[in-house]
Amino acid sequence: MGDSLYVWAQTISKSCYHVYEQMLKQLRTDGGAYTPTPTSITGNISGGVYGCFRVSAVSEKGILNGK
């Protein structure tokens, strides 16, 4: 009694996921002799602009268990 649970889920588009995946690969590259050379990250915005446009769908559900 008295516990509650709240879940919040968020989704992103496939193109936005691809940009984040590229950023994580760059972050994990340590610059050692056997790691790939860093490259430019391709954004998901047209017109030669660098960046990531993100729109998310959000779902939420909560349970409150009163005393």
Protein backbone atom coordinates (compact mmCIF):
# COMPACT_ATOMS: atom_id res chain seq x y z
CA MET A 1 0.00 0.00 0.00
CA GLY A 2 1.12 3.53 -0.71
CA ASP A 3 3.39 2.66 -3.66
CA SER A 4 2.91 4.13 -7.10
CA LEU A 5 4.30 3.41 -10.56
CA TYR A 6 4.65 5.83 -13.44
CA VAL A 7 5.99 4.82 -16.88
CA TRP A 8 6.84 7.29 -19.63
CA ALA A 9 7.80 5.94 -23.09
CA GLN A 10 9.08 8.03 -25.97
CA THR A 11 9.66 7.08 -29.62
CA ILE A 12 11.88 8.62 -32.29
CA SER A 13 11.95 8.28 -36.07
CA LYS A 14 14.32 5.91 -37.85
CA SER A 15 16.26 8.85 -39.34
CA CYS A 16 16.75 10.41 -35.92
CA TYR A 17 17.89 7.06 -34.51
CA HIS A 18 20.44 6.82 -37.33
CA VAL A 19 21.89 10.24 -36.44
CA TYR A 20 22.15 9.29 -32.73
CA GLU A 21 23.78 5.99 -33.70
CA GLN A 22 26.43 7.87 -35.73
CA MET A 23 27.07 10.22 -32.80
CA LEU A 24 27.55 7.30 -30.39
CA LYS A 25 30.00 5.61 -32.78
CA GLN A 26 32.02 8.85 -32.93
CA LEU A 27 31.95 9.14 -29.14
CA ARG A 28 33.19 5.57 -28.64
CA THR A 29 36.12 6.02 -31.03
CA ASP A 30 39.14 6.45 -28.78
CA GLY A 31 41.57 7.61 -31.49
CA GLY A 32 43.82 4.56 -31.16
CA ALA A 33 45.82 3.03 -33.99
CA TYR A 34 43.19 0.39 -34.74
CA THR A 35 40.04 2.50 -34.60
CA PRO A 36 38.39 4.00 -37.67
CA THR A 37 39.06 7.59 -38.67
CA PRO A 38 36.31 9.98 -37.47
CA THR A 39 33.97 11.11 -40.25
CA SER A 40 31.32 13.78 -40.59
CA ILE A 41 27.95 12.87 -39.14
CA THR A 42 25.12 13.09 -41.65
CA GLY A 43 22.12 14.85 -40.15
CA ASN A 44 18.47 14.29 -41.00
CA ILE A 45 17.82 17.91 -42.03
CA SER A 46 17.92 18.74 -45.75
CA GLY A 47 19.67 21.74 -47.25
CA GLY A 48 23.19 21.10 -45.97
CA VAL A 49 22.31 21.92 -42.36
CA TYR A 50 24.01 19.82 -39.70
CA GLY A 51 21.88 18.57 -36.87
CA CYS A 52 19.01 16.30 -35.96
CA PHE A 53 15.35 17.24 -36.15
CA ARG A 54 13.43 15.24 -33.56
CA VAL A 55 9.73 14.84 -32.98
CA SER A 56 8.60 12.28 -30.44
CA ALA A 57 5.43 10.43 -29.66
CA VAL A 58 4.95 10.06 -25.92
CA SER A 59 2.91 7.49 -24.03
CA GLU A 60 2.44 7.54 -20.31
CA LYS A 61 0.67 5.41 -17.77
CA GLY A 62 0.55 5.69 -14.02
CA ILE A 63 -0.85 3.73 -11.12
CA LEU A 64 -1.29 5.31 -7.72
CA ASN A 65 -1.98 2.93 -4.90
CA GLY A 66 -3.38 4.95 -1.97
CA LYS A 67 -3.08 4.00 1.68
